Amino acid sequence: MKPLSTTPPATDSSTPLKKTLTTSLLYFFILGDVLGAGVYVLVGQVAAESGGAVWAPLLVALCLALLTAASYAELVTKYPRAGGASHYATLAYGPFLGFLAGFCMLAAGIVSVAALARGFGGDYLSEFITLPVVLVTIVFLIALALLNARGIRESTRANVVATVIEVSGLLLVIGLGAWIVLRGDGDTGRLTDLGTSREGPVGAVLSGAVLAYYSFVGFETSVNVAEETRDPRRSYPRALFGALLTAGAVYALVGVAAAVAVPTEKLTESSGPLLEVVRRAGGIPTELFSAIALVAVANGALLTGIMSSRLTYGMARDGLLPRFLTKVLPGRRTPWAAIATTTALSLVLALTGDVSTLASTLVLLLLVVFFLVNTSLLVLRRDLVSQDHFRAPTLVPVLGALSCVLLATRIEHDVWLRGLLVLAVGAGLGIIAAVKSRRSS
């Protein structure tokens, strides 16, 4: 079959972004984004959907996430440049779906940063000091933007420290769960308790996996820093799969600890389920977990902000957004225009406070993106490139696309309605972008 095109490998001369990320920094970047604030609040909600065996939907979600991650690994090593899902969909389907994929990622990222900024100024911070949420939100977002603009190396090094703190908190929960079992206060019988009054074991696990899936998303943000990685074809697959497997192991053990330490009813009623494990074990100040949660929130917002700005930069370079957004700082070589724009949008959303309805569509928006990524990989298999790259078995992107459809069927109708509104806006803007692209070609 005749190839669509022969794409030359990316070189330093073709990009103004500075290559500074090593495999270890990229590993911590992905791990820090996956091990975000969600795990500290989602365990109870997963238990409400699946039953006491919280570890089961977490492992199912990991397997489903690995399918799409494999598709990303092939596409990133084949086309190592900023833009991510938007760039791949543009290559496979043209500017309309390329714009729609990027729009969904941007909508999810910008709202996520806004929600995390609001969360940072909420109850966790109130454990230490009471300040106006508006003031905290403004200062928080400005600080993140400045760190982002200072450089990818500084941002990812700060992420390494924050990731160590986040993981330490989760390891503490795992250790406390083991201690509770050893002293005879745990109930290991809950580890096999699957199903609820509404659904049987299979349906309950799938419903829990939808929520658990949100705990694993974040790996896709690393696509947008591939252009700043020294050797993406070698580093990216190692960092990606290593980080996801590490996160999966930590999540499963946290799920086991929470299940054996806290009765399921208590777990589902708590807005801070891991804090219930700390209280059950005793001997650890509850303020410690508030501090860890603040670090998790800040780190998640930083990494999502990096993703949003790099995605904006990549889409602008592809002609899908105004060219102004491709401007970079002369010395730092970071995309300052994209950083300023995405931060401003997050600030507007955060200050209005009306982000809950859009935040509930995040998983749905990302499933749309992941479906496009998996199917784009199948289309782009005809596109030959000169450099070696990671290659996933053909069945993997097929199963990845089907997993997105499966999870989408488990999402509530009201979330679908809100998601369709966002997609309609993206489709309208995508048509404009496609028309402009045809006129300029």
Protein backbone atom coordinates (compact mmCIF):
# COMPACT_ATOMS: atom_id res chain seq x y z
CA MET A 1 0.00 0.00 0.00
CA LYS A 2 1.32 3.42 -0.88
CA PRO A 3 2.17 5.48 2.23
CA LEU A 4 0.33 8.73 2.92
CA SER A 5 3.58 10.61 3.36
CA THR A 6 7.12 10.32 4.62
CA THR A 7 7.53 12.44 7.72
CA PRO A 8 11.08 13.47 8.68
CA PRO A 9 12.10 13.25 12.32
CA ALA A 10 11.80 16.38 14.41
CA THR A 11 15.05 18.23 14.98
CA ASP A 12 16.23 20.97 17.26
CA SER A 13 16.23 23.34 14.34
CA SER A 14 12.50 22.84 13.76
CA THR A 15 11.39 23.88 17.24
CA PRO A 16 12.04 26.86 19.51
CA LEU A 17 11.33 24.79 22.63
CA LYS A 18 14.33 23.74 24.70
CA LYS A 19 15.05 20.01 25.15
CA THR A 20 15.76 19.50 28.87
CA LEU A 21 13.62 16.57 30.11
CA THR A 22 15.34 13.28 30.94
CA THR A 23 13.61 9.91 31.37
CA SER A 24 13.56 10.27 35.16
CA LEU A 25 12.13 13.81 35.05
CA LEU A 26 9.48 12.69 32.57
CA TYR A 27 8.64 9.69 34.78
CA PHE A 28 8.06 11.97 37.77
CA PHE A 29 6.12 14.40 35.56
CA ILE A 30 3.66 11.66 34.56
CA LEU A 31 3.55 10.05 38.01
CA GLY A 32 2.93 13.41 39.66
CA ASP A 33 0.08 14.18 37.29
CA VAL A 34 -1.56 10.76 37.69
CA LEU A 35 -1.14 10.73 41.48
CA GLY A 36 -3.14 13.92 41.78
CA ALA A 37 -5.68 15.26 44.21
CA GLY A 38 -8.37 12.86 42.98
CA VAL A 39 -7.09 9.83 44.85
CA TYR A 40 -7.54 11.61 48.17
CA VAL A 41 -11.28 12.04 47.62
CA LEU A 42 -12.35 9.37 45.09
CA VAL A 43 -11.86 6.19 47.13
CA GLY A 44 -15.13 6.66 49.01
CA GLN A 45 -17.08 7.38 45.82
CA VAL A 46 -15.60 4.31 44.11
CA ALA A 47 -16.65 2.22 47.12
CA ALA A 48 -20.18 3.61 46.84
CA GLU A 49 -20.36 2.44 43.22
CA SER A 50 -18.57 -0.92 43.47
CA GLY A 51 -18.74 -2.12 47.07
CA GLY A 52 -15.97 -2.71 49.59
CA ALA A 53 -13.49 -4.24 47.13
CA VAL A 54 -12.20 -0.85 45.99
CA TRP A 55 -9.05 -2.39 44.53
CA ALA A 56 -11.01 -4.19 41.74
CA PRO A 57 -12.32 -1.14 39.81
CA LEU A 58 -8.95 0.55 40.32
CA LEU A 59 -7.18 -2.34 38.57
CA VAL A 60 -9.81 -2.45 35.80
CA ALA A 61 -9.34 1.28 35.25
CA LEU A 62 -5.56 0.79 35.09
CA CYS A 63 -5.90 -1.88 32.38
CA LEU A 64 -8.20 0.35 30.32
CA ALA A 65 -5.87 3.33 30.73
CA LEU A 66 -2.87 1.24 29.60
CA LEU A 67 -4.62 0.54 26.27
CA THR A 68 -4.86 4.22 25.37
CA ALA A 69 -1.43 4.87 26.87
CA ALA A 70 0.08 2.38 24.41
CA SER A 71 -1.51 4.30 21.53
CA TYR A 72 -0.05 7.52 22.88
CA ALA A 73 3.38 5.89 23.19
CA GLU A 74 3.40 4.99 19.50
CA LEU A 75 2.14 8.37 18.34
CA VAL A 76 4.49 10.36 20.58
CA THR A 77 7.57 8.45 19.45
CA LYS A 78 6.44 8.69 15.84
CA TYR A 79 5.59 12.41 15.96
CA PRO A 80 7.56 13.91 18.89
CA ARG A 81 6.16 17.44 19.00
CA ALA A 82 3.83 19.56 21.10
CA GLY A 83 0.14 19.43 20.24
CA GLY A 84 -0.62 15.88 21.30
CA ALA A 85 -4.10 14.56 20.52
CA SER A 86 -4.91 17.64 18.43
CA HIS A 87 -1.88 17.09 16.21
CA TYR A 88 -2.58 13.36 15.75
CA ALA A 89 -6.26 13.89 14.92
CA THR A 90 -5.30 16.63 12.44
CA LEU A 91 -2.87 14.30 10.67
CA ALA A 92 -5.43 11.49 10.57
CA TYR A 93 -8.72 13.29 9.96
CA GLY A 94 -8.02 16.92 9.10
CA PRO A 95 -8.36 20.24 10.92
CA PHE A 96 -11.97 19.84 12.11
CA LEU A 97 -11.47 16.79 14.32
CA GLY A 98 -7.98 18.01 15.14
CA PHE A 99 -9.44 21.18 16.55
CA LEU A 100 -12.21 19.27 18.36
CA ALA A 101 -9.67 17.00 20.07
CA GLY A 102 -7.59 19.97 21.13
CA PHE A 103 -10.65 21.89 22.26
CA CYS A 104 -11.78 19.01 24.49
CA MET A 105 -8.32 18.79 26.05
CA LEU A 106 -8.17 22.54 26.56
CA ALA A 107 -11.66 22.67 28.08
CA ALA A 108 -10.79 19.86 30.46
CA GLY A 109 -7.42 21.34 31.38
CA ILE A 110 -8.54 24.93 31.91
CA VAL A 111 -11.53 23.91 34.03
CA SER A 112 -9.37 21.48 35.98
CA VAL A 113 -6.89 24.21 36.89
CA ALA A 114 -9.74 26.52 37.88
CA ALA A 115 -11.33 23.85 40.07
CA LEU A 116 -8.01 22.98 41.71
CA ALA A 117 -7.34 26.67 42.39
CA ARG A 118 -10.70 26.94 44.13
CA GLY A 119 -9.99 23.73 45.99
CA PHE A 120 -6.63 25.00 47.20
CA GLY A 121 -8.34 27.90 48.95
CA GLY A 122 -10.98 25.70 50.55
CA ASP A 123 -11.20 23.38 53.56
CA TYR A 124 -7.67 21.99 53.39
CA LEU A 125 -6.11 25.45 53.66
CA SER A 126 -8.60 26.34 56.40
CA GLU A 127 -6.93 23.77 58.65
CA PHE A 128 -4.02 26.21 58.90
CA ILE A 129 -5.25 29.70 58.00
CA THR A 130 -8.47 31.38 56.91
CA LEU A 131 -8.17 33.68 53.89
CA PRO A 132 -10.64 34.90 51.27
CA VAL A 133 -10.96 32.22 48.59
CA VAL A 134 -10.83 34.86 45.84
CA LEU A 135 -7.50 36.20 47.11
CA VAL A 136 -6.01 32.74 47.45
CA THR A 137 -7.20 31.80 43.97
CA ILE A 138 -5.64 34.86 42.31
CA VAL A 139 -2.29 34.49 44.08
CA PHE A 140 -2.26 30.74 43.46
CA LEU A 141 -2.83 31.02 39.70
CA ILE A 142 -0.33 33.84 39.27
CA ALA A 143 2.33 31.86 41.13
CA LEU A 144 1.69 28.80 38.96
CA ALA A 145 1.90 30.88 35.77
CA LEU A 146 5.22 32.41 36.82
CA LEU A 147 6.70 29.01 37.64
CA ASN A 148 5.43 27.65 34.32
CA ALA A 149 6.93 30.59 32.41
CA ARG A 150 10.25 30.32 34.22
CA GLY A 151 10.96 27.02 32.51
CA ILE A 152 9.97 23.40 32.06
CA ARG A 153 13.01 22.23 34.02
CA GLU A 154 12.14 24.33 37.08
CA SER A 155 8.50 23.23 36.88
CA THR A 156 9.32 19.55 36.63
CA ARG A 157 11.89 19.74 39.43
CA ALA A 158 9.25 21.28 41.68
CA ASN A 159 7.01 18.43 40.55
CA VAL A 160 9.60 15.85 41.68
CA VAL A 161 9.51 17.22 45.23
CA ALA A 162 5.70 17.43 45.24
CA THR A 163 5.37 13.91 43.82
CA VAL A 164 7.59 12.49 46.57
CA ILE A 165 5.34 14.18 49.16
CA GLU A 166 2.16 12.87 47.51
CA VAL A 167 3.48 9.33 47.25
CA SER A 168 4.75 9.47 50.85
CA GLY A 169 1.23 10.30 52.00
CA LEU A 170 -0.24 7.40 50.07
CA LEU A 171 2.46 5.03 51.36
CA LEU A 172 1.58 6.22 54.85
CA VAL A 173 -2.03 5.17 54.27
CA ILE A 174 -0.87 1.77 53.02
CA GLY A 175 1.33 1.32 56.08
CA LEU A 176 -1.45 2.38 58.46
CA GLY A 177 -3.82 -0.08 56.79
CA ALA A 178 -1.32 -2.89 57.33
CA TRP A 179 -0.89 -1.82 60.97
CA ILE A 180 -4.65 -1.87 61.53
CA VAL A 181 -4.82 -5.44 60.17
CA LEU A 182 -1.85 -6.61 62.24
CA ARG A 183 -3.35 -5.33 65.47
CA GLY A 184 -6.59 -7.15 64.69
CA ASP A 185 -8.88 -4.17 63.93
CA GLY A 186 -9.20 -4.70 60.18
CA ASP A 187 -11.78 -6.65 58.20
CA THR A 188 -10.23 -8.51 55.25
CA GLY A 189 -13.65 -9.87 54.29
CA ARG A 190 -14.48 -6.54 52.65
CA LEU A 191 -11.77 -7.20 50.04
CA THR A 192 -14.13 -9.58 48.22
CA ASP A 193 -17.29 -7.50 48.69
CA LEU A 194 -18.37 -6.59 45.14
CA GLY A 195 -21.78 -5.29 44.10
CA THR A 196 -24.33 -2.91 45.54
CA SER A 197 -28.08 -2.86 46.11
CA ARG A 198 -28.43 -1.31 42.63
CA GLU A 199 -26.03 -3.45 40.57
CA GLY A 200 -24.40 -6.85 40.51
CA PRO A 201 -20.63 -7.43 40.71
CA VAL A 202 -19.84 -6.80 37.00
CA GLY A 203 -21.96 -3.67 36.64
CA ALA A 204 -20.71 -2.34 39.97
CA VAL A 205 -17.07 -2.80 38.98
CA LEU A 206 -17.63 -0.98 35.67
CA SER A 207 -19.45 1.89 37.41
CA GLY A 208 -16.61 2.14 39.91
CA ALA A 209 -14.07 1.97 37.08
CA VAL A 210 -15.52 5.15 35.53
CA LEU A 211 -14.67 7.09 38.68
CA ALA A 212 -11.40 5.22 39.13
CA TYR A 213 -10.47 6.03 35.52
CA TYR A 214 -10.38 9.70 36.46
CA SER A 215 -7.58 8.83 38.90
CA PHE A 216 -5.40 7.59 36.03
CA VAL A 217 -5.97 10.38 33.53
CA GLY A 218 -3.12 12.82 33.48
CA PHE A 219 -0.69 10.68 31.53
CA GLU A 220 -1.94 12.36 28.34
CA THR A 221 -0.58 15.72 29.53
CA SER A 222 2.96 14.45 29.08
CA VAL A 223 2.39 14.26 25.31
CA ASN A 224 2.64 18.03 25.17
CA VAL A 225 6.16 18.11 26.62
CA ALA A 226 7.51 15.40 24.32
CA GLU A 227 9.11 18.13 22.22
CA GLU A 228 11.08 19.22 25.29
CA THR A 229 12.29 15.66 26.01
CA ARG A 230 15.86 14.85 25.02
CA ASP A 231 15.19 11.44 23.46
CA PRO A 232 11.40 10.90 23.31
CA ARG A 233 11.60 7.70 21.26
CA ARG A 234 13.56 6.01 24.05
CA SER A 235 12.42 7.93 27.13
CA TYR A 236 8.68 8.31 26.63
CA PRO A 237 7.52 4.65 26.63
CA ARG A 238 9.69 3.84 29.64
CA ALA A 239 8.49 6.84 31.61
CA LEU A 240 4.83 6.40 30.59
CA PHE A 241 4.38 2.71 31.38
CA GLY A 242 6.61 2.91 34.44
CA ALA A 243 4.59 5.78 35.90
CA LEU A 244 1.20 4.17 35.16
CA LEU A 245 2.22 0.81 36.65
CA THR A 246 3.63 2.55 39.71
CA ALA A 247 0.43 4.55 40.15
CA GLY A 248 -1.67 1.42 39.64
CA ALA A 249 0.22 -0.48 42.33
CA VAL A 250 -0.06 2.43 44.77
CA TYR A 251 -3.78 2.89 44.05
CA ALA A 252 -4.56 -0.82 44.47
CA LEU A 253 -2.74 -0.95 47.81
CA VAL A 254 -4.47 2.24 48.96
CA GLY A 255 -7.79 0.66 48.00
CA VAL A 256 -6.92 -2.45 50.01
CA ALA A 257 -5.88 -0.36 53.02
CA ALA A 258 -9.06 1.72 52.92
CA ALA A 259 -11.29 -1.35 52.53
CA VAL A 260 -9.82 -3.32 55.44
CA ALA A 261 -9.48 -0.31 57.77
CA VAL A 262 -12.82 1.49 57.35
CA PRO A 263 -16.34 0.07 57.05
CA THR A 264 -17.74 0.59 53.56
CA GLU A 265 -20.63 2.72 54.82
CA LYS A 266 -18.24 5.03 56.67
CA LEU A 267 -15.96 5.20 53.63
CA THR A 268 -18.75 6.19 51.26
CA GLU A 269 -20.07 8.91 53.59
CA SER A 270 -16.71 10.65 54.02
CA SER A 271 -15.47 13.50 51.81
CA GLY A 272 -11.94 12.68 52.99
CA PRO A 273 -11.89 8.87 52.92
CA LEU A 274 -8.15 8.48 53.41
CA LEU A 275 -8.38 10.71 56.46
CA GLU A 276 -10.70 8.06 57.93
CA VAL A 277 -7.85 5.55 57.68
CA VAL A 278 -5.58 7.95 59.57
CA ARG A 279 -8.20 8.48 62.26
CA ARG A 280 -8.80 4.72 62.55
CA ALA A 281 -5.11 4.02 63.00
CA GLY A 282 -4.46 6.86 65.44
CA GLY A 283 -1.11 8.42 66.29
CA ILE A 284 -0.86 10.59 63.14
CA PRO A 285 -1.99 14.25 63.19
CA THR A 286 -4.90 14.82 60.80
CA GLU A 287 -3.29 18.16 59.85
CA LEU A 288 -0.56 16.16 58.14
CA PHE A 289 -3.00 14.91 55.54
CA SER A 290 -4.36 18.37 54.95
CA ALA A 291 -0.82 19.53 54.14
CA ILE A 292 -0.25 16.58 51.80
CA ALA A 293 -3.58 17.25 50.06
CA LEU A 294 -2.58 20.89 49.47
CA VAL A 295 0.65 19.75 47.87
CA ALA A 296 -1.30 17.30 45.70
CA VAL A 297 -3.73 20.00 44.57
CA ALA A 298 -0.94 22.48 43.78
CA ASN A 299 1.09 19.90 41.91
CA GLY A 300 -1.90 18.77 39.86
CA ALA A 301 -2.71 22.36 38.94
CA LEU A 302 0.90 23.06 37.93
CA LEU A 303 1.16 20.04 35.64
CA THR A 304 -2.26 20.63 34.10
CA GLY A 305 -1.28 24.26 33.51
CA ILE A 306 1.85 23.10 31.71
CA MET A 307 -0.25 20.78 29.55
CA SER A 308 -2.79 23.47 28.68
CA SER A 309 -0.16 26.01 27.67
CA ARG A 310 1.83 23.52 25.55
CA LEU A 311 -1.34 22.25 23.90
CA THR A 312 -2.37 25.83 23.10
CA TYR A 313 1.10 26.47 21.65
CA GLY A 314 0.94 23.31 19.50
CA MET A 315 -2.56 24.05 18.20
CA ALA A 316 -1.55 27.61 17.34
CA ARG A 317 1.48 26.36 15.44
CA ASP A 318 -0.80 24.00 13.50
CA GLY A 319 -2.93 27.02 12.53
CA LEU A 320 -5.90 25.97 14.68
CA LEU A 321 -5.57 28.94 17.08
CA PRO A 322 -4.24 32.51 16.58
CA ARG A 323 -0.53 32.70 15.77
CA PHE A 324 -0.03 35.08 18.67
CA LEU A 325 -0.16 32.06 20.97
CA THR A 326 3.11 30.69 19.51
CA LYS A 327 5.18 33.53 21.03
CA VAL A 328 7.92 32.35 23.41
CA LEU A 329 10.17 34.15 25.89
CA PRO A 330 13.51 34.91 24.16
CA GLY A 331 15.68 33.72 27.04
CA ARG A 332 13.57 31.03 28.66
CA ARG A 333 12.05 29.76 25.39
CA THR A 334 8.76 29.01 27.13
CA PRO A 335 5.38 29.79 25.47
CA TRP A 336 4.50 32.89 27.50
CA ALA A 337 1.49 33.92 25.39
CA ALA A 338 -0.14 30.50 25.75
CA ILE A 339 0.62 30.46 29.49
CA ALA A 340 -0.90 33.91 30.02
CA THR A 341 -4.02 33.12 27.99
CA THR A 342 -4.80 29.76 29.62
CA THR A 343 -4.13 31.20 33.08
CA ALA A 344 -6.48 34.10 32.42
CA LEU A 345 -9.27 31.76 31.32
CA SER A 346 -8.76 29.58 34.40
CA LEU A 347 -8.86 32.68 36.58
CA VAL A 348 -12.15 33.84 35.04
CA LEU A 349 -13.72 30.42 35.63
CA ALA A 350 -12.34 30.17 39.16
CA LEU A 351 -13.56 33.63 40.17
CA THR A 352 -17.07 32.97 38.89
CA GLY A 353 -17.21 29.83 40.98
CA ASP A 354 -19.56 28.15 38.48
CA VAL A 355 -17.24 25.36 37.39
CA SER A 356 -18.93 22.31 38.91
CA THR A 357 -21.21 21.64 35.94
CA LEU A 358 -18.34 21.73 33.44
CA ALA A 359 -15.98 19.83 35.77
CA SER A 360 -18.41 16.90 35.83
CA THR A 361 -17.89 16.50 32.06
CA LEU A 362 -14.11 16.10 32.30
CA VAL A 363 -14.08 12.33 32.04
CA LEU A 364 -16.53 12.41 29.11
CA LEU A 365 -14.44 15.01 27.26
CA LEU A 366 -11.29 12.97 27.77
CA LEU A 367 -13.03 9.81 26.55
CA VAL A 368 -13.83 11.67 23.32
CA VAL A 369 -10.16 12.64 23.04
CA PHE A 370 -8.95 9.11 23.78
CA PHE A 371 -11.34 7.64 21.21
CA LEU A 372 -9.93 9.99 18.57
CA VAL A 373 -6.35 9.14 19.59
CA ASN A 374 -6.90 5.38 19.33
CA THR A 375 -8.64 5.61 15.98
CA SER A 376 -6.09 8.14 14.68
CA LEU A 377 -3.34 5.62 15.36
CA LEU A 378 -5.09 3.08 13.14
CA VAL A 379 -5.41 5.62 10.32
CA LEU A 380 -1.80 6.82 10.65
CA ARG A 381 -0.39 3.32 10.43
CA ARG A 382 -0.18 4.06 6.65
CA ASP A 383 2.07 7.07 7.32
CA LEU A 384 5.71 5.95 7.19
CA VAL A 385 8.47 7.80 9.03
CA SER A 386 12.21 7.39 8.76
CA GLN A 387 13.04 7.01 12.48
CA ASP A 388 12.42 3.99 14.70
CA HIS A 389 9.50 4.30 17.10
CA PHE A 390 7.43 2.31 19.59
CA ARG A 391 4.75 0.16 17.94
CA ALA A 392 1.70 -1.23 19.74
CA PRO A 393 -0.10 -4.38 18.51
CA THR A 394 -3.02 -3.47 16.24
CA LEU A 395 -5.50 -4.98 18.70
CA VAL A 396 -4.46 -2.46 21.37
CA PRO A 397 -5.85 0.74 19.76
CA VAL A 398 -8.98 -1.19 18.75
CA LEU A 399 -9.57 -2.27 22.36
CA GLY A 400 -8.62 1.23 23.51
CA ALA A 401 -11.34 2.80 21.35
CA LEU A 402 -13.89 0.21 22.49
CA SER A 403 -12.99 0.84 26.14
CA CYS A 404 -13.81 4.54 25.66
CA VAL A 405 -17.23 3.61 24.29
CA LEU A 406 -17.81 1.17 27.15
CA LEU A 407 -16.96 3.72 29.83
CA ALA A 408 -19.04 6.40 28.09
CA THR A 409 -22.11 4.17 28.38
CA ARG A 410 -21.67 4.19 32.16
CA ILE A 411 -21.81 8.01 32.40
CA GLU A 412 -25.00 9.63 33.65
CA HIS A 413 -27.44 11.30 31.24
CA ASP A 414 -27.16 14.76 32.78
CA VAL A 415 -23.38 14.67 32.33
CA TRP A 416 -23.92 13.70 28.69
CA LEU A 417 -26.16 16.72 28.18
CA ARG A 418 -23.54 19.08 29.58
CA GLY A 419 -20.81 17.35 27.60
CA LEU A 420 -22.76 17.67 24.37
CA LEU A 421 -23.07 21.42 24.92
CA VAL A 422 -19.30 21.72 25.25
CA LEU A 423 -18.80 19.53 22.17
CA ALA A 424 -21.25 21.69 20.22
CA VAL A 425 -19.19 24.80 20.99
CA GLY A 426 -16.03 22.95 19.98
CA ALA A 427 -17.66 21.75 16.76
CA GLY A 428 -18.69 25.30 15.83
CA LEU A 429 -15.18 26.62 16.39
CA GLY A 430 -13.78 23.58 14.60
CA ILE A 431 -15.77 24.39 11.47
CA ILE A 432 -14.31 27.91 11.48
CA ALA A 433 -10.80 26.49 11.91
CA ALA A 434 -11.36 24.00 9.08
CA VAL A 435 -12.60 26.72 6.71
CA LYS A 436 -9.59 28.91 7.51
CA SER A 437 -7.27 25.96 6.97
CA ARG A 438 -8.72 25.26 3.51
CA ARG A 439 -8.47 28.90 2.49
CA SER A 440 -4.84 29.11 3.55
CA SER A 441 -3.87 25.84 1.83
